[in-house]
C-alpha atoms as a PDB file:
ATOM      1  CA  MET A   1     -24.699  -9.234 -16.070  1.00  0.00           C
ATOM      2  CA  LYS A   2     -28.231  -7.916 -15.927  1.00  0.00           C
ATOM      3  CA  ASP A   3     -27.497  -4.363 -17.887  1.00  0.00           C
ATOM      4  CA  SER A   4     -30.764  -2.622 -16.659  1.00  0.00           C
ATOM      5  CA  VAL A   5     -30.020   0.846 -18.065  1.00  0.00           C
ATOM      6  CA  LYS A   6     -32.437   3.757 -17.203  1.00  0.00           C
ATOM      7  CA  ASP A   7     -32.808   6.669 -19.366  1.00  0.00           C
ATOM      8  CA  ASN A   8     -33.473   9.842 -16.906  1.00  0.00           C
ATOM      9  CA  ASP A   9     -33.019  12.868 -19.178  1.00  0.00           C
ATOM     10  CA  GLY A  10     -29.756  11.700 -20.164  1.00  0.00           C
ATOM     11  CA  GLY A  11     -28.280  11.624 -16.522  1.00  0.00           C
ATOM     12  CA  LYS A  12     -24.685  10.781 -16.031  1.00  0.00           C
ATOM     13  CA  LEU A  13     -24.224   6.801 -15.924  1.00  0.00           C
ATOM     14  CA  ILE A  14     -23.884   4.926 -12.122  1.00  0.00           C
ATOM     15  CA  ALA A  15     -23.125   1.523 -12.288  1.00  0.00           C
ATOM     16  CA  ILE A  16     -23.507  -0.443  -9.152  1.00  0.00           C
ATOM     17  CA  VAL A  17     -21.640  -3.713  -8.315  1.00  0.00           C
ATOM     18  CA  GLU A  18     -24.037  -5.877  -5.612  1.00  0.00           C
ATOM     19  CA  ASP A  19     -24.810  -9.680  -5.642  1.00  0.00           C
ATOM     20  CA  ASP A  20     -28.036  -8.844  -3.566  1.00  0.00           C
ATOM     21  CA  PRO A  21     -31.190  -8.162  -6.349  1.00  0.00           C
ATOM     22  CA  ASP A  22     -33.143  -6.096  -3.076  1.00  0.00           C
ATOM     23  CA  VAL A  23     -30.252  -4.125  -2.476  1.00  0.00           C
ATOM     24  CA  ALA A  24     -29.296  -3.362  -5.942  1.00  0.00           C
ATOM     25  CA  ARG A  25     -33.157  -2.198  -6.881  1.00  0.00           C
ATOM     26  CA  ILE A  26     -33.195   0.205  -3.814  1.00  0.00           C
ATOM     27  CA  ILE A  27     -29.904   1.821  -5.020  1.00  0.00           C
ATOM     28  CA  GLU A  28     -31.033   1.386  -9.150  1.00  0.00           C
ATOM     29  CA  GLN A  29     -34.636   2.991  -7.623  1.00  0.00           C
ATOM     30  CA  VAL A  30     -32.860   6.456  -5.201  1.00  0.00           C
ATOM     31  CA  LEU A  31     -30.154   7.301  -7.747  1.00  0.00           C
ATOM     32  CA  ALA A  32     -33.282   7.234 -10.909  1.00  0.00           C
ATOM     33  CA  ASP A  33     -35.293   8.939  -8.942  1.00  0.00           C
ATOM     34  CA  PHE A  34     -32.966  11.904  -8.957  1.00  0.00           C
ATOM     35  CA  GLY A  35     -32.125  11.707 -12.465  1.00  0.00           C
ATOM     36  CA  PHE A  36     -29.030   9.233 -12.895  1.00  0.00           C
ATOM     37  CA  ARG A  37     -28.614   5.902 -14.984  1.00  0.00           C
ATOM     38  CA  THR A  38     -27.752   2.999 -13.416  1.00  0.00           C
ATOM     39  CA  ALA A  39     -25.880  -0.449 -14.693  1.00  0.00           C
ATOM     40  CA  TRP A  40     -26.369  -3.730 -12.322  1.00  0.00           C
ATOM     41  CA  CYS A  41     -23.662  -5.682 -12.080  1.00  0.00           C
ATOM     42  CA  ARG A  42     -23.845  -8.769  -9.877  1.00  0.00           C
ATOM     43  CA  SER A  43     -20.295  -9.593  -9.411  1.00  0.00           C
ATOM     44  CA  GLY A  44     -17.192  -7.866  -9.947  1.00  0.00           C
ATOM     45  CA  GLY A  45     -16.096  -9.757 -12.881  1.00  0.00           C
ATOM     46  CA  ASP A  46     -19.523  -8.957 -14.641  1.00  0.00           C
ATOM     47  CA  LEU A  47     -18.684  -6.083 -14.044  1.00  0.00           C
ATOM     48  CA  LEU A  48     -14.919  -5.696 -15.496  1.00  0.00           C
ATOM     49  CA  ARG A  49     -16.487  -7.476 -18.416  1.00  0.00           C
ATOM     50  CA  ARG A  50     -18.616  -4.576 -19.387  1.00  0.00           C
ATOM     51  CA  LEU A  51     -16.739  -1.951 -18.572  1.00  0.00           C
ATOM     52  CA  ARG A  52     -15.181   0.174 -21.321  1.00  0.00           C
ATOM     53  CA  ASN A  53     -18.252  -0.105 -23.227  1.00  0.00           C
ATOM     54  CA  LEU A  54     -20.652   1.303 -20.353  1.00  0.00           C
ATOM     55  CA  SER A  55     -17.713   4.130 -19.393  1.00  0.00           C
ATOM     56  CA  PRO A  56     -19.354   4.968 -16.169  1.00  0.00           C
ATOM     57  CA  VAL A  57     -19.071   7.894 -14.148  1.00  0.00           C
ATOM     58  CA  LEU A  58     -19.010   6.276 -11.187  1.00  0.00           C
ATOM     59  CA  CYS A  59     -18.944   2.640  -9.745  1.00  0.00           C
ATOM     60  CA  ILE A  60     -20.893   1.730  -6.482  1.00  0.00           C
ATOM     61  CA  ILE A  61     -18.839  -1.719  -4.965  1.00  0.00           C
ATOM     62  CA  ASP A  62     -20.656  -3.796  -2.327  1.00  0.00           C
ATOM     63  CA  LEU A  63     -16.942  -5.737  -0.930  1.00  0.00           C
ATOM     64  CA  GLY A  64     -19.079  -8.802  -0.677  1.00  0.00           C
ATOM     65  CA  LEU A  65     -18.919 -10.255  -3.982  1.00  0.00           C
ATOM     66  CA  PRO A  66     -19.381 -13.603  -4.628  1.00  0.00           C
ATOM     67  CA  ASP A  67     -16.187 -13.954  -7.381  1.00  0.00           C
ATOM     68  CA  MET A  68     -13.880 -11.828  -5.866  1.00  0.00           C
ATOM     69  CA  ASP A  69     -13.297  -9.584  -2.758  1.00  0.00           C
ATOM     70  CA  GLY A  70     -14.833  -5.987  -3.633  1.00  0.00           C
ATOM     71  CA  ILE A  71     -10.677  -4.452  -3.073  1.00  0.00           C
ATOM     72  CA  GLU A  72      -9.515  -6.104  -5.825  1.00  0.00           C
ATOM     73  CA  ALA A  73     -12.584  -5.233  -7.845  1.00  0.00           C
ATOM     74  CA  MET A  74     -12.152  -1.564  -7.684  1.00  0.00           C
ATOM     75  CA  GLN A  75      -8.158  -2.032  -7.504  1.00  0.00           C
ATOM     76  CA  ARG A  76      -8.782  -3.664 -11.458  1.00  0.00           C
ATOM     77  CA  VAL A  77     -11.576  -0.649 -12.032  1.00  0.00           C
ATOM     78  CA  ARG A  78      -8.937   1.619 -11.003  1.00  0.00           C
ATOM     79  CA  ALA A  79      -5.884   0.216 -13.411  1.00  0.00           C
ATOM     80  CA  GLN A  80      -8.299   0.377 -16.106  1.00  0.00           C
ATOM     81  CA  THR A  81     -10.324   3.785 -15.892  1.00  0.00           C
ATOM     82  CA  ASN A  82     -10.589   6.794 -14.010  1.00  0.00           C
ATOM     83  CA  CYS A  83     -14.173   7.194 -12.983  1.00  0.00           C
ATOM     84  CA  GLY A  84     -15.385   7.492  -9.348  1.00  0.00           C
ATOM     85  CA  ILE A  85     -15.719   4.607  -6.991  1.00  0.00           C
ATOM     86  CA  MET A  86     -17.846   4.455  -3.908  1.00  0.00           C
ATOM     87  CA  ILE A  87     -17.641   1.719  -1.916  1.00  0.00           C
ATOM     88  CA  LEU A  88     -20.856   0.671  -0.322  1.00  0.00           C
ATOM     89  CA  THR A  89     -21.010  -2.249   1.544  1.00  0.00           C
ATOM     90  CA  GLY A  90     -21.802  -3.641   5.102  1.00  0.00           C
ATOM     91  CA  ARG A  91     -18.249  -4.024   6.519  1.00  0.00           C
ATOM     92  CA  ALA A  92     -17.325  -1.640   9.784  1.00  0.00           C
ATOM     93  CA  HIS A  93     -14.038  -2.958  10.616  1.00  0.00           C
ATOM     94  CA  VAL A  94     -11.676  -0.008  10.332  1.00  0.00           C
ATOM     95  CA  SER A  95      -9.639  -1.736   8.065  1.00  0.00           C
ATOM     96  CA  ASP A  96     -11.782  -2.475   5.101  1.00  0.00           C
ATOM     97  CA  ARG A  97     -12.086   1.771   5.513  1.00  0.00           C
ATOM     98  CA  VAL A  98      -8.500   2.512   5.821  1.00  0.00           C
ATOM     99  CA  MET A  99      -7.811  -0.017   3.040  1.00  0.00           C
ATOM    100  CA  GLY A 100     -10.099   0.809   0.928  1.00  0.00           C
ATOM    101  CA  LEU A 101      -9.432   4.933   1.054  1.00  0.00           C
ATOM    102  CA  GLU A 102      -5.966   3.709   0.926  1.00  0.00           C
ATOM    103  CA  LEU A 103      -6.258   1.740  -2.688  1.00  0.00           C
ATOM    104  CA  GLY A 104      -8.131   4.640  -4.417  1.00  0.00           C
ATOM    105  CA  ALA A 105     -11.622   4.884  -3.181  1.00  0.00           C
ATOM    106  CA  ASP A 106     -13.013   8.096  -3.394  1.00  0.00           C
ATOM    107  CA  ASP A 107     -15.897   7.077  -0.322  1.00  0.00           C
ATOM    108  CA  TYR A 108     -17.143   4.785   1.946  1.00  0.00           C
ATOM    109  CA  MET A 109     -20.795   4.240   3.035  1.00  0.00           C
ATOM    110  CA  LEU A 110     -22.224   1.887   4.790  1.00  0.00           C
ATOM    111  CA  LYS A 111     -24.976  -0.448   4.624  1.00  0.00           C
ATOM    112  CA  PRO A 112     -27.823   0.244   5.923  1.00  0.00           C
ATOM    113  CA  PHE A 113     -27.777   3.614   4.664  1.00  0.00           C
ATOM    114  CA  GLU A 114     -30.326   7.284   4.111  1.00  0.00           C
ATOM    115  CA  PRO A 115     -31.058   7.404   0.460  1.00  0.00           C
ATOM    116  CA  ARG A 116     -30.774  11.248   0.428  1.00  0.00           C
ATOM    117  CA  GLU A 117     -26.819  10.770   2.114  1.00  0.00           C
ATOM    118  CA  LEU A 118     -26.253   8.247  -1.025  1.00  0.00           C
ATOM    119  CA  VAL A 119     -27.364  10.683  -3.455  1.00  0.00           C
ATOM    120  CA  ALA A 120     -25.222  13.454  -1.396  1.00  0.00           C
ATOM    121  CA  ARG A 121     -21.686  11.269  -1.269  1.00  0.00           C
ATOM    122  CA  VAL A 122     -22.184  10.206  -5.044  1.00  0.00           C
ATOM    123  CA  ARG A 123     -22.694  13.896  -6.426  1.00  0.00           C
ATOM    124  CA  SER A 124     -19.896  14.943  -4.082  1.00  0.00           C
ATOM    125  CA  ILE A 125     -17.803  13.266  -5.826  1.00  0.00           C
ATOM    126  CA  LEU A 126     -19.107  13.897  -9.062  1.00  0.00           C
ATOM    127  CA  ARG A 127     -18.375  17.622  -8.207  1.00  0.00           C
ATOM    128  CA  ARG A 128     -14.951  16.618  -6.948  1.00  0.00           C
ATOM    129  CA  ARG A 129     -14.266  14.649 -10.295  1.00  0.00           C
ATOM    130  CA  GLU A 130     -15.857  17.513 -12.688  1.00  0.00           C
ATOM    131  CA  THR A 131     -13.193  20.238 -11.122  1.00  0.00           C
ATOM    132  CA  VAL A 132     -10.214  18.387 -11.148  1.00  0.00           C
ATOM    133  CA  SER A 133     -11.425  17.917 -15.394  1.00  0.00           C
ATOM    134  CA  ASP A 134     -12.342  21.441 -15.638  1.00  0.00           C
ATOM    135  CA  THR A 135      -8.674  22.311 -15.407  1.00  0.00           C
ATOM    136  CA  PRO A 136      -6.932  23.402 -18.579  1.00  0.00           C
ATOM    137  CA  PRO A 137      -4.233  20.643 -19.687  1.00  0.00           C
ATOM    138  CA  SER A 138      -1.529  22.967 -19.991  1.00  0.00           C
ATOM    139  CA  GLN A 139      -1.108  23.767 -16.851  1.00  0.00           C
ATOM    140  CA  ILE A 140       1.273  22.319 -15.201  1.00  0.00           C
ATOM    141  CA  ALA A 141       3.154  22.718 -11.512  1.00  0.00           C
ATOM    142  CA  CYS A 142       6.835  22.114 -10.652  1.00  0.00           C
ATOM    143  CA  PHE A 143       8.614  21.217  -7.653  1.00  0.00           C
ATOM    144  CA  GLY A 144      11.267  19.973  -6.725  1.00  0.00           C
ATOM    145  CA  ASN A 145      12.236  17.022  -9.090  1.00  0.00           C
ATOM    146  CA  TRP A 146       8.317  16.255 -10.272  1.00  0.00           C
ATOM    147  CA  ARG A 147       5.773  17.466 -12.429  1.00  0.00           C
ATOM    148  CA  PHE A 148       1.997  17.382 -11.756  1.00  0.00           C
ATOM    149  CA  ASN A 149       0.216  18.161 -14.617  1.00  0.00           C
ATOM    150  CA  LEU A 150      -3.573  19.280 -13.514  1.00  0.00           C
ATOM    151  CA  GLY A 151      -5.219  18.481 -16.484  1.00  0.00           C
ATOM    152  CA  ASN A 152      -4.592  14.596 -16.430  1.00  0.00           C
ATOM    153  CA  ASN A 153      -3.942  14.087 -13.043  1.00  0.00           C
ATOM    154  CA  THR A 154      -0.337  12.844 -13.913  1.00  0.00           C
ATOM    155  CA  LEU A 155       2.521  12.945 -11.243  1.00  0.00           C
ATOM    156  CA  SER A 156       6.140  12.775 -13.675  1.00  0.00           C
ATOM    157  CA  GLY A 157       9.388  12.704 -12.026  1.00  0.00           C
ATOM    158  CA  GLN A 158      13.311  13.879 -13.224  1.00  0.00           C
ATOM    159  CA  ASP A 159      14.109  10.179 -14.034  1.00  0.00           C
ATOM    160  CA  GLY A 160      10.478   9.243 -16.025  1.00  0.00           C
ATOM    161  CA  GLU A 161       8.371   7.916 -13.122  1.00  0.00           C
ATOM    162  CA  GLU A 162       5.083   8.500 -13.583  1.00  0.00           C
ATOM    163  CA  HIS A 163       2.277   8.333 -10.972  1.00  0.00           C
ATOM    164  CA  VAL A 164      -1.536   8.744 -12.092  1.00  0.00           C
ATOM    165  CA  LEU A 165      -3.733  10.211  -9.020  1.00  0.00           C
ATOM    166  CA  SER A 166      -6.705   9.177  -8.118  1.00  0.00           C
ATOM    167  CA  ASN A 167      -9.085  12.629  -8.063  1.00  0.00           C
ATOM    168  CA  ALA A 168      -9.137  12.436  -4.598  1.00  0.00           C
ATOM    169  CA  GLU A 169      -5.101  12.411  -4.772  1.00  0.00           C
ATOM    170  CA  ALA A 170      -5.024  15.072  -7.580  1.00  0.00           C
ATOM    171  CA  GLU A 171      -7.428  17.625  -5.438  1.00  0.00           C
ATOM    172  CA  LEU A 172      -5.435  17.622  -2.720  1.00  0.00           C
ATOM    173  CA  LEU A 173      -2.064  18.157  -4.305  1.00  0.00           C
ATOM    174  CA  ARG A 174      -4.353  20.505  -6.648  1.00  0.00           C
ATOM    175  CA  VAL A 175      -5.005  22.682  -3.215  1.00  0.00           C
ATOM    176  CA  PHE A 176      -1.323  22.115  -2.187  1.00  0.00           C
ATOM    177  CA  VAL A 177       0.543  23.972  -5.073  1.00  0.00           C
ATOM    178  CA  ASN A 178      -1.903  26.157  -4.983  1.00  0.00           C
ATOM    179  CA  HIS A 179      -1.107  27.526  -1.868  1.00  0.00           C
ATOM    180  CA  PRO A 180       2.600  26.695  -1.202  1.00  0.00           C
ATOM    181  CA  ASN A 181       4.585  27.292   2.266  1.00  0.00           C
ATOM    182  CA  ARG A 182       1.195  28.226   4.085  1.00  0.00           C
ATOM    183  CA  ILE A 183      -0.818  26.100   6.804  1.00  0.00           C
ATOM    184  CA  LEU A 184      -3.474  24.878   5.217  1.00  0.00           C
ATOM    185  CA  GLN A 185      -5.950  23.773   7.914  1.00  0.00           C
ATOM    186  CA  ARG A 186      -7.972  20.638   7.110  1.00  0.00           C
ATOM    187  CA  GLU A 187     -11.437  22.573   5.970  1.00  0.00           C
ATOM    188  CA  LYS A 188      -9.662  23.609   3.299  1.00  0.00           C
ATOM    189  CA  LEU A 189      -7.890  20.431   2.506  1.00  0.00           C
ATOM    190  CA  MET A 190     -11.251  18.852   2.131  1.00  0.00           C
ATOM    191  CA  GLY A 191     -12.605  20.915   0.052  1.00  0.00           C
ATOM    192  CA  THR A 192     -16.074  19.971  -1.274  1.00  0.00           C
ATOM    193  CA  ARG A 193     -16.053  17.090   0.494  1.00  0.00           C
ATOM    194  CA  ASP A 194     -19.578  16.493   2.817  1.00  0.00           C
ATOM    195  CA  VAL A 195     -17.830  15.083   5.806  1.00  0.00           C
ATOM    196  CA  SER A 196     -16.906  16.772   9.709  1.00  0.00           C
ATOM    197  CA  PRO A 197     -13.544  17.931  10.446  1.00  0.00           C
ATOM    198  CA  SER A 198     -12.839  14.892  12.445  1.00  0.00           C
ATOM    199  CA  ASP A 199     -13.193  12.681   9.537  1.00  0.00           C
ATOM    200  CA  ARG A 200      -9.879  10.890   9.126  1.00  0.00           C
ATOM    201  CA  ALA A 201     -10.318  10.129   5.678  1.00  0.00           C
ATOM    202  CA  ILE A 202      -7.727  12.994   4.741  1.00  0.00           C
ATOM    203  CA  ASP A 203      -5.057  11.595   6.976  1.00  0.00           C
ATOM    204  CA  VAL A 204      -4.972   8.538   4.886  1.00  0.00           C
ATOM    205  CA  ARG A 205      -4.982  10.009   1.905  1.00  0.00           C
ATOM    206  CA  ILE A 206      -2.179  12.990   3.065  1.00  0.00           C
ATOM    207  CA  SER A 207      -0.068   9.696   3.813  1.00  0.00           C
ATOM    208  CA  ARG A 208      -0.945   8.130   0.303  1.00  0.00           C
ATOM    209  CA  LEU A 209       0.016  10.986  -1.311  1.00  0.00           C
ATOM    210  CA  ARG A 210       3.347  11.157   0.953  1.00  0.00           C
ATOM    211  CA  ARG A 211       4.696   7.637  -0.426  1.00  0.00           C
ATOM    212  CA  LYS A 212       4.166   8.478  -3.751  1.00  0.00           C
ATOM    213  CA  LEU A 213       6.337  12.290  -3.553  1.00  0.00           C
ATOM    214  CA  GLU A 214       8.724  11.673  -0.812  1.00  0.00           C
ATOM    215  CA  PRO A 215      11.712   9.625  -0.719  1.00  0.00           C
ATOM    216  CA  GLN A 216      11.542   9.342   2.866  1.00  0.00           C
ATOM    217  CA  THR A 217       7.738   8.924   4.493  1.00  0.00           C
ATOM    218  CA  ASP A 218       9.080   9.129   8.130  1.00  0.00           C
ATOM    219  CA  SER A 219      10.902  12.491   7.169  1.00  0.00           C
ATOM    220  CA  PRO A 220       8.463  14.252   4.601  1.00  0.00           C
ATOM    221  CA  SER A 221       9.950  17.103   2.300  1.00  0.00           C
ATOM    222  CA  PHE A 222       7.222  18.679   1.217  1.00  0.00           C
ATOM    223  CA  ILE A 223       3.987  17.819   2.925  1.00  0.00           C
ATOM    224  CA  LYS A 224       4.244  18.758   7.104  1.00  0.00           C
ATOM    225  CA  THR A 225       2.381  18.796   9.629  1.00  0.00           C
ATOM    226  CA  VAL A 226       2.065  21.286  11.866  1.00  0.00           C
ATOM    227  CA  TYR A 227       0.165  19.569  14.834  1.00  0.00           C
ATOM    228  CA  GLY A 228      -2.767  21.429  15.861  1.00  0.00           C
ATOM    229  CA  ALA A 229      -2.937  23.676  12.878  1.00  0.00           C
ATOM    230  CA  GLY A 230      -2.712  21.547   9.912  1.00  0.00           C
ATOM    231  CA  TYR A 231      -0.450  20.788   7.055  1.00  0.00           C
ATOM    232  CA  LEU A 232       2.212  23.069   5.004  1.00  0.00           C
ATOM    233  CA  PHE A 233       3.614  22.221   1.686  1.00  0.00           C
ATOM    234  CA  LEU A 234       6.883  23.067   1.700  1.00  0.00           C
ATOM    235  CA  ALA A 235       7.660  24.051  -2.013  1.00  0.00           C
ATOM    236  CA  ALA A 236       8.753  26.739  -4.513  1.00  0.00           C
ATOM    237  CA  VAL A 237       6.250  25.644  -7.284  1.00  0.00           C
ATOM    238  CA  SER A 238       6.448  27.130 -10.647  1.00  0.00           C
ATOM    239  CA  TRP A 239       3.946  26.766 -13.507  1.00  0.00           C
ATOM    240  CA  ALA A 240       5.335  25.532 -17.004  1.00  0.00           C
ATOM    241  CA  ASP A 241       2.331  27.428 -18.733  1.00  0.00           C
ATOM    242  CA  THR A 242       2.677  30.835 -17.348  1.00  0.00           C
ATOM    243  CA  GLY A 243       6.082  30.717 -15.641  1.00  0.00           C
ATOM    244  CA  GLN A 244       5.182  32.386 -12.908  1.00  0.00           C
ATOM    245  CA  ALA A 245       6.525  31.189  -9.532  1.00  0.00           C
ATOM    246  CA  ASP A 246       4.772  31.285  -6.064  1.00  0.00           C
ATOM    247  CA  GLY A 247       6.278  31.148  -2.733  1.00  0.00           C
END
């Protein structure tokens, strides 16, 4: 790994996983111009070996890596850390985009990219993560047989089963538990994501969250689709720290 960390007023560290030095150099320069520090990794293995010491707030990962597929690298990063993940690739196949988002990427962007759009998407991911991390650890939403800790993104079942949600999943569930039994439009569920209402990523994340919550995803009991209107979180929600119920 060539570790080219640039200090810019104590900016947040972003790991760039890209085997093309010219592309990596462009990404580094764009991010440095906006006050971010960067660490360049030539392969997935390079990143995984240094991940704990680097502690990046975000990893930008290419799918065409020399030692492993970028999807595999992303999964292994997700297993080790809860940092943000952006896929930046030349692969435009819908299947790659859907798989990346389903497996926990916060965003998916195609090359060639517009530098200002890259920075806007990076900032959007970091804003969402900061919103989640600002929640007090004691705030726990209880619904059905589930307990959702908004402070650390954990979802615990009555049988002891526990899931650590991605930031995108946690952001969705946060909106749902704060607005139970109400039809929520797609725009509301997107939160601070800088995308158009027609973006299908929200549906991918709904599907992923359903698979964790619902025993039968073909007949969901919590997250209902209201065609032409949005989604409905059908549950009575109580809060472990206040004892107040909503719904």
